[in-house]
Amino acid sequence: METLTKQDEELLALAKAVIYKNYDGVHYNHTVGAAVRCRNGNMYIGVNVYSLHGACAEMIALGNAITAGERDFECIVAYRGGEDEGVLSPCGNCRQLLSTYMPKGEVILEINGEHKKISVSELLPYAYEVESE
């Protein structure tokens, strides 16, 4: 586990800002914001979208980055808004997504009340690997 750098703190602030701007405490359609940083320093944001089958904020942030042509991801963080605000650990589906799209990346988590980074491979040590031809 690593302590956060200034760039990591900026990424966390971006995730907080996006959910503060978009939090929906009435219908709970948007409750989590995420930010992903690419190795070139570019950062992208997203909020979760909820329906019968929703998409997590991490998925939306990665999708925004991919849409912009990015492919090399360094670090990601998710932040829950509302009364119980705070850094969230990725769900199982997102862990697999991160393993596929940023296997050498890191995730910011809250561990024992402190923000720390861990590698995606630590987050999902026996991930399903997609075989390519």
N, C-alpha and C. Protein backbone atom coordinates (compact mmCIF):
# COMPACT_ATOMS: atom_id res chain seq x y z
N MET A 1 0.85 -1.19 0.00
CA MET A 1 0.00 0.00 0.00
C MET A 1 0.88 1.24 0.00
N GLU A 2 0.45 2.19 -0.77
CA GLU A 2 1.20 3.43 -0.88
C GLU A 2 0.38 4.60 -0.37
N THR A 3 1.06 5.62 0.11
CA THR A 3 0.37 6.85 0.49
C THR A 3 0.10 7.65 -0.78
N LEU A 4 -0.82 8.59 -0.70
CA LEU A 4 -1.22 9.35 -1.87
C LEU A 4 -0.24 10.46 -2.19
N THR A 5 -0.08 10.70 -3.49
CA THR A 5 0.73 11.81 -3.99
C THR A 5 -0.17 13.02 -4.21
N LYS A 6 0.43 14.13 -4.57
CA LYS A 6 -0.35 15.33 -4.88
C LYS A 6 -1.30 15.05 -6.06
N GLN A 7 -0.83 14.32 -7.05
CA GLN A 7 -1.68 13.96 -8.20
C GLN A 7 -2.86 13.10 -7.75
N ASP A 8 -2.62 12.20 -6.80
CA ASP A 8 -3.70 11.35 -6.29
C ASP A 8 -4.74 12.18 -5.54
N GLU A 9 -4.27 13.15 -4.76
CA GLU A 9 -5.20 14.04 -4.03
C GLU A 9 -6.05 14.84 -5.02
N GLU A 10 -5.46 15.27 -6.13
CA GLU A 10 -6.21 15.99 -7.18
C GLU A 10 -7.26 15.08 -7.81
N LEU A 11 -6.90 13.82 -8.02
CA LEU A 11 -7.84 12.85 -8.59
C LEU A 11 -9.02 12.64 -7.64
N LEU A 12 -8.72 12.49 -6.36
CA LEU A 12 -9.76 12.33 -5.35
C LEU A 12 -10.66 13.56 -5.30
N ALA A 13 -10.09 14.74 -5.36
CA ALA A 13 -10.87 15.98 -5.35
C ALA A 13 -11.79 16.06 -6.57
N LEU A 14 -11.32 15.58 -7.70
CA LEU A 14 -12.14 15.57 -8.92
C LEU A 14 -13.33 14.63 -8.76
N ALA A 15 -13.12 13.46 -8.18
CA ALA A 15 -14.22 12.51 -7.95
C ALA A 15 -15.24 13.10 -6.98
N LYS A 16 -14.76 13.77 -5.93
CA LYS A 16 -15.67 14.42 -4.98
C LYS A 16 -16.48 15.50 -5.68
N ALA A 17 -15.82 16.32 -6.47
CA ALA A 17 -16.49 17.44 -7.13
C ALA A 17 -17.58 16.96 -8.08
N VAL A 18 -17.33 15.88 -8.81
CA VAL A 18 -18.33 15.43 -9.77
C VAL A 18 -19.57 14.89 -9.08
N ILE A 19 -19.40 14.23 -7.93
CA ILE A 19 -20.61 13.73 -7.26
C ILE A 19 -21.29 14.85 -6.47
N TYR A 20 -20.54 15.80 -5.94
CA TYR A 20 -21.17 16.95 -5.28
C TYR A 20 -22.06 17.69 -6.27
N LYS A 21 -21.61 17.79 -7.51
CA LYS A 21 -22.37 18.50 -8.56
C LYS A 21 -23.59 17.70 -9.01
N ASN A 22 -23.51 16.38 -8.96
CA ASN A 22 -24.54 15.54 -9.58
C ASN A 22 -25.32 14.65 -8.62
N TYR A 23 -25.06 14.72 -7.34
CA TYR A 23 -25.70 13.82 -6.38
C TYR A 23 -27.22 13.96 -6.42
N ASP A 24 -27.91 12.83 -6.48
CA ASP A 24 -29.36 12.80 -6.52
C ASP A 24 -29.85 12.08 -5.27
N GLY A 25 -30.16 12.84 -4.24
CA GLY A 25 -30.63 12.28 -2.98
C GLY A 25 -32.12 12.01 -2.95
N VAL A 26 -32.83 12.31 -4.04
CA VAL A 26 -34.26 12.07 -4.12
C VAL A 26 -34.54 10.70 -4.75
N HIS A 27 -34.01 10.48 -5.95
CA HIS A 27 -34.26 9.23 -6.67
C HIS A 27 -33.07 8.27 -6.58
N TYR A 28 -31.94 8.76 -6.09
CA TYR A 28 -30.71 7.99 -5.95
C TYR A 28 -30.22 7.41 -7.27
N ASN A 29 -30.42 8.16 -8.34
CA ASN A 29 -29.92 7.74 -9.65
C ASN A 29 -28.42 7.99 -9.80
N HIS A 30 -27.90 8.98 -9.09
CA HIS A 30 -26.48 9.34 -9.18
C HIS A 30 -25.96 9.53 -7.77
N THR A 31 -25.24 8.55 -7.27
CA THR A 31 -24.78 8.60 -5.88
C THR A 31 -23.27 8.45 -5.74
N VAL A 32 -22.59 8.09 -6.82
CA VAL A 32 -21.15 7.87 -6.78
C VAL A 32 -20.50 8.59 -7.95
N GLY A 33 -19.38 9.24 -7.66
CA GLY A 33 -18.55 9.85 -8.69
C GLY A 33 -17.22 9.13 -8.75
N ALA A 34 -16.60 9.13 -9.90
CA ALA A 34 -15.29 8.50 -10.05
C ALA A 34 -14.41 9.37 -10.93
N ALA A 35 -13.12 9.21 -10.74
CA ALA A 35 -12.14 9.89 -11.59
C ALA A 35 -11.01 8.90 -11.89
N VAL A 36 -10.57 8.91 -13.13
CA VAL A 36 -9.47 8.05 -13.55
C VAL A 36 -8.38 8.94 -14.14
N ARG A 37 -7.12 8.60 -13.81
CA ARG A 37 -5.97 9.33 -14.35
C ARG A 37 -5.21 8.40 -15.30
N CYS A 38 -4.90 8.94 -16.45
CA CYS A 38 -4.12 8.20 -17.44
C CYS A 38 -2.64 8.44 -17.18
N ARG A 39 -1.81 7.60 -17.74
CA ARG A 39 -0.37 7.74 -17.52
C ARG A 39 0.17 9.05 -18.08
N ASN A 40 -0.52 9.64 -19.05
CA ASN A 40 -0.09 10.92 -19.60
C ASN A 40 -0.55 12.11 -18.74
N GLY A 41 -1.25 11.83 -17.64
CA GLY A 41 -1.71 12.88 -16.73
C GLY A 41 -3.13 13.35 -16.95
N ASN A 42 -3.73 13.01 -18.09
CA ASN A 42 -5.12 13.41 -18.34
C ASN A 42 -6.05 12.69 -17.36
N MET A 43 -7.09 13.40 -16.91
CA MET A 43 -8.04 12.83 -15.97
C MET A 43 -9.46 12.93 -16.54
N TYR A 44 -10.26 11.91 -16.26
CA TYR A 44 -11.64 11.83 -16.75
C TYR A 44 -12.55 11.46 -15.58
N ILE A 45 -13.78 11.93 -15.67
CA ILE A 45 -14.73 11.72 -14.58
C ILE A 45 -15.97 10.98 -15.07
N GLY A 46 -16.76 10.50 -14.11
CA GLY A 46 -18.03 9.87 -14.40
C GLY A 46 -18.86 9.76 -13.14
N VAL A 47 -20.16 9.62 -13.31
CA VAL A 47 -21.06 9.33 -12.19
C VAL A 47 -21.82 8.07 -12.55
N ASN A 48 -22.25 7.35 -11.52
CA ASN A 48 -23.03 6.15 -11.79
C ASN A 48 -24.39 6.55 -12.37
N VAL A 49 -24.93 5.66 -13.18
CA VAL A 49 -26.29 5.84 -13.71
C VAL A 49 -27.08 4.62 -13.30
N TYR A 50 -28.21 4.86 -12.67
CA TYR A 50 -28.98 3.76 -12.11
C TYR A 50 -30.26 3.57 -12.89
N SER A 51 -30.55 2.32 -13.15
CA SER A 51 -31.80 1.90 -13.79
C SER A 51 -31.99 0.46 -13.32
N LEU A 52 -32.74 -0.31 -14.04
CA LEU A 52 -32.88 -1.71 -13.68
C LEU A 52 -31.49 -2.36 -13.58
N HIS A 53 -30.66 -2.07 -14.56
CA HIS A 53 -29.26 -2.47 -14.56
C HIS A 53 -28.46 -1.21 -14.80
N GLY A 54 -27.78 -0.74 -13.80
CA GLY A 54 -27.05 0.51 -13.92
C GLY A 54 -25.61 0.29 -14.30
N ALA A 55 -24.92 1.40 -14.42
CA ALA A 55 -23.49 1.37 -14.69
C ALA A 55 -22.79 2.14 -13.57
N CYS A 56 -21.74 1.56 -13.05
CA CYS A 56 -20.99 2.19 -11.96
C CYS A 56 -20.21 3.40 -12.46
N ALA A 57 -19.88 4.28 -11.53
CA ALA A 57 -19.14 5.49 -11.87
C ALA A 57 -17.77 5.17 -12.48
N GLU A 58 -17.12 4.12 -11.99
CA GLU A 58 -15.82 3.74 -12.55
C GLU A 58 -15.95 3.38 -14.03
N MET A 59 -17.03 2.66 -14.38
CA MET A 59 -17.26 2.28 -15.77
C MET A 59 -17.45 3.52 -16.64
N ILE A 60 -18.22 4.47 -16.14
CA ILE A 60 -18.50 5.68 -16.90
C ILE A 60 -17.22 6.51 -17.08
N ALA A 61 -16.42 6.64 -16.02
CA ALA A 61 -15.16 7.39 -16.11
C ALA A 61 -14.22 6.73 -17.12
N LEU A 62 -14.08 5.41 -17.05
CA LEU A 62 -13.23 4.71 -18.01
C LEU A 62 -13.78 4.86 -19.42
N GLY A 63 -15.10 4.77 -19.56
CA GLY A 63 -15.72 4.94 -20.87
C GLY A 63 -15.46 6.32 -21.45
N ASN A 64 -15.51 7.35 -20.60
CA ASN A 64 -15.20 8.71 -21.07
C ASN A 64 -13.77 8.80 -21.55
N ALA A 65 -12.85 8.20 -20.80
CA ALA A 65 -11.44 8.23 -21.19
C ALA A 65 -11.22 7.46 -22.50
N ILE A 66 -11.82 6.30 -22.62
CA ILE A 66 -11.67 5.49 -23.83
C ILE A 66 -12.26 6.22 -25.03
N THR A 67 -13.41 6.87 -24.83
CA THR A 67 -14.04 7.64 -25.90
C THR A 67 -13.11 8.74 -26.41
N ALA A 68 -12.32 9.31 -25.50
CA ALA A 68 -11.37 10.37 -25.86
C ALA A 68 -10.07 9.80 -26.46
N GLY A 69 -9.98 8.49 -26.57
CA GLY A 69 -8.82 7.87 -27.20
C GLY A 69 -7.76 7.36 -26.23
N GLU A 70 -8.02 7.42 -24.95
CA GLU A 70 -7.05 6.97 -23.95
C GLU A 70 -7.07 5.45 -23.84
N ARG A 71 -5.90 4.88 -23.55
CA ARG A 71 -5.81 3.44 -23.37
C ARG A 71 -4.87 3.03 -22.23
N ASP A 72 -4.14 3.97 -21.66
CA ASP A 72 -3.13 3.65 -20.66
C ASP A 72 -3.50 4.32 -19.34
N PHE A 73 -4.08 3.56 -18.42
CA PHE A 73 -4.65 4.10 -17.18
C PHE A 73 -3.73 3.84 -15.99
N GLU A 74 -3.61 4.84 -15.13
CA GLU A 74 -2.69 4.78 -14.01
C GLU A 74 -3.39 4.58 -12.66
N CYS A 75 -4.46 5.33 -12.40
CA CYS A 75 -5.08 5.30 -11.08
C CYS A 75 -6.55 5.69 -11.18
N ILE A 76 -7.38 5.12 -10.30
CA ILE A 76 -8.81 5.41 -10.29
C ILE A 76 -9.30 5.49 -8.85
N VAL A 77 -10.35 6.28 -8.64
CA VAL A 77 -10.97 6.39 -7.33
C VAL A 77 -12.47 6.61 -7.50
N ALA A 78 -13.26 6.03 -6.60
CA ALA A 78 -14.71 6.24 -6.57
C ALA A 78 -15.06 6.90 -5.24
N TYR A 79 -16.03 7.82 -5.29
CA TYR A 79 -16.41 8.57 -4.09
C TYR A 79 -17.92 8.62 -3.98
N ARG A 80 -18.44 8.15 -2.84
CA ARG A 80 -19.89 8.16 -2.59
C ARG A 80 -20.28 9.52 -2.03
N GLY A 81 -21.38 10.08 -2.53
CA GLY A 81 -21.91 11.34 -2.02
C GLY A 81 -22.94 11.10 -0.93
N GLY A 82 -23.54 12.18 -0.47
CA GLY A 82 -24.61 12.08 0.52
C GLY A 82 -24.09 12.04 1.94
N GLU A 83 -24.97 11.64 2.85
CA GLU A 83 -24.65 11.63 4.28
C GLU A 83 -23.49 10.69 4.63
N ASP A 84 -23.38 9.59 3.92
CA ASP A 84 -22.32 8.61 4.19
C ASP A 84 -21.16 8.75 3.20
N GLU A 85 -20.85 9.98 2.82
CA GLU A 85 -19.84 10.20 1.79
C GLU A 85 -18.49 9.62 2.17
N GLY A 86 -17.75 9.23 1.15
CA GLY A 86 -16.41 8.70 1.37
C GLY A 86 -15.94 7.87 0.19
N VAL A 87 -14.69 7.51 0.22
CA VAL A 87 -14.09 6.69 -0.82
C VAL A 87 -14.69 5.29 -0.76
N LEU A 88 -15.02 4.75 -1.93
CA LEU A 88 -15.60 3.41 -2.03
C LEU A 88 -14.63 2.43 -2.67
N SER A 89 -14.67 1.22 -2.22
CA SER A 89 -13.96 0.13 -2.87
C SER A 89 -14.79 -0.31 -4.08
N PRO A 90 -14.16 -0.63 -5.20
CA PRO A 90 -14.91 -1.07 -6.38
C PRO A 90 -15.69 -2.36 -6.12
N CYS A 91 -16.86 -2.46 -6.72
CA CYS A 91 -17.66 -3.69 -6.63
C CYS A 91 -16.95 -4.80 -7.42
N GLY A 92 -17.46 -6.00 -7.34
CA GLY A 92 -16.86 -7.13 -8.04
C GLY A 92 -16.78 -6.95 -9.53
N ASN A 93 -17.86 -6.44 -10.14
CA ASN A 93 -17.87 -6.23 -11.58
C ASN A 93 -16.81 -5.20 -11.98
N CYS A 94 -16.70 -4.13 -11.19
CA CYS A 94 -15.70 -3.09 -11.49
C CYS A 94 -14.28 -3.63 -11.29
N ARG A 95 -14.10 -4.50 -10.32
CA ARG A 95 -12.77 -5.08 -10.11
C ARG A 95 -12.34 -5.84 -11.35
N GLN A 96 -13.26 -6.60 -11.94
CA GLN A 96 -12.94 -7.32 -13.16
C GLN A 96 -12.67 -6.35 -14.30
N LEU A 97 -13.49 -5.31 -14.41
CA LEU A 97 -13.29 -4.29 -15.45
C LEU A 97 -11.91 -3.64 -15.32
N LEU A 98 -11.53 -3.27 -14.10
CA LEU A 98 -10.23 -2.66 -13.87
C LEU A 98 -9.11 -3.63 -14.21
N SER A 99 -9.30 -4.90 -13.89
CA SER A 99 -8.31 -5.91 -14.20
C SER A 99 -8.11 -6.04 -15.71
N THR A 100 -9.17 -5.88 -16.45
CA THR A 100 -9.10 -5.97 -17.91
C THR A 100 -8.50 -4.71 -18.53
N TYR A 101 -8.95 -3.54 -18.08
CA TYR A 101 -8.55 -2.28 -18.73
C TYR A 101 -7.33 -1.60 -18.11
N MET A 102 -7.03 -1.87 -16.87
CA MET A 102 -5.86 -1.24 -16.25
C MET A 102 -5.16 -2.20 -15.29
N PRO A 103 -4.70 -3.34 -15.80
CA PRO A 103 -4.11 -4.37 -14.94
C PRO A 103 -2.87 -3.91 -14.17
N LYS A 104 -2.18 -2.93 -14.67
CA LYS A 104 -0.99 -2.42 -13.99
C LYS A 104 -1.29 -1.11 -13.24
N GLY A 105 -2.58 -0.78 -13.13
CA GLY A 105 -2.99 0.45 -12.47
C GLY A 105 -3.16 0.28 -10.97
N GLU A 106 -3.55 1.40 -10.35
CA GLU A 106 -3.77 1.41 -8.90
C GLU A 106 -5.15 1.97 -8.60
N VAL A 107 -5.64 1.65 -7.40
CA VAL A 107 -6.94 2.08 -6.93
C VAL A 107 -6.76 2.77 -5.59
N ILE A 108 -7.41 3.92 -5.41
CA ILE A 108 -7.39 4.60 -4.12
C ILE A 108 -8.53 4.04 -3.27
N LEU A 109 -8.19 3.60 -2.06
CA LEU A 109 -9.16 3.06 -1.12
C LEU A 109 -9.03 3.77 0.22
N GLU A 110 -10.02 3.59 1.06
CA GLU A 110 -9.90 4.05 2.44
C GLU A 110 -9.64 2.82 3.30
N ILE A 111 -8.48 2.79 3.95
CA ILE A 111 -8.08 1.65 4.76
C ILE A 111 -7.73 2.16 6.15
N ASN A 112 -8.47 1.68 7.14
CA ASN A 112 -8.27 2.11 8.53
C ASN A 112 -8.31 3.63 8.66
N GLY A 113 -9.24 4.25 7.96
CA GLY A 113 -9.44 5.69 8.05
C GLY A 113 -8.46 6.53 7.25
N GLU A 114 -7.58 5.90 6.48
CA GLU A 114 -6.61 6.63 5.67
C GLU A 114 -6.78 6.27 4.20
N HIS A 115 -6.52 7.23 3.33
CA HIS A 115 -6.55 6.96 1.90
C HIS A 115 -5.21 6.38 1.48
N LYS A 116 -5.28 5.22 0.84
CA LYS A 116 -4.08 4.51 0.37
C LYS A 116 -4.33 4.02 -1.04
N LYS A 117 -3.24 3.69 -1.73
CA LYS A 117 -3.34 3.10 -3.06
C LYS A 117 -2.90 1.65 -3.01
N ILE A 118 -3.63 0.81 -3.74
CA ILE A 118 -3.20 -0.57 -3.92
C ILE A 118 -3.28 -0.89 -5.40
N SER A 119 -2.54 -1.90 -5.80
CA SER A 119 -2.56 -2.29 -7.21
C SER A 119 -3.86 -3.02 -7.54
N VAL A 120 -4.26 -2.92 -8.78
CA VAL A 120 -5.46 -3.63 -9.24
C VAL A 120 -5.28 -5.12 -9.03
N SER A 121 -4.07 -5.63 -9.23
CA SER A 121 -3.85 -7.07 -9.06
C SER A 121 -4.03 -7.50 -7.60
N GLU A 122 -3.76 -6.61 -6.65
CA GLU A 122 -4.03 -6.92 -5.23
C GLU A 122 -5.53 -6.92 -4.96
N LEU A 123 -6.25 -6.05 -5.66
CA LEU A 123 -7.69 -5.92 -5.49
C LEU A 123 -8.42 -7.16 -6.01
N LEU A 124 -7.91 -7.74 -7.07
CA LEU A 124 -8.51 -8.93 -7.66
C LEU A 124 -7.38 -9.89 -8.07
N PRO A 125 -6.84 -10.65 -7.12
CA PRO A 125 -5.63 -11.43 -7.38
C PRO A 125 -5.79 -12.57 -8.38
N TYR A 126 -6.96 -13.13 -8.54
CA TYR A 126 -7.15 -14.25 -9.46
C TYR A 126 -8.19 -13.89 -10.51
N ALA A 127 -7.98 -12.78 -11.16
CA ALA A 127 -8.95 -12.26 -12.12
C ALA A 127 -9.07 -13.16 -13.34
N TYR A 128 -10.26 -13.18 -13.91
CA TYR A 128 -10.48 -13.85 -15.19
C TYR A 128 -9.71 -13.07 -16.25
N GLU A 129 -8.93 -13.77 -17.05
CA GLU A 129 -8.15 -13.10 -18.09
C GLU A 129 -8.76 -13.40 -19.44
N VAL A 130 -8.96 -12.34 -20.19
CA VAL A 130 -9.49 -12.45 -21.55
C VAL A 130 -8.34 -12.82 -22.46
N GLU A 131 -8.49 -13.92 -23.19
CA GLU A 131 -7.43 -14.33 -24.10
C GLU A 131 -7.62 -13.64 -25.43
N SER A 132 -6.53 -13.13 -25.98
CA SER A 132 -6.58 -12.50 -27.30
C SER A 132 -5.85 -13.36 -28.30
N GLU A 133 -6.25 -13.25 -29.54
CA GLU A 133 -5.64 -14.09 -30.59
C GLU A 133 -4.38 -13.46 -31.09
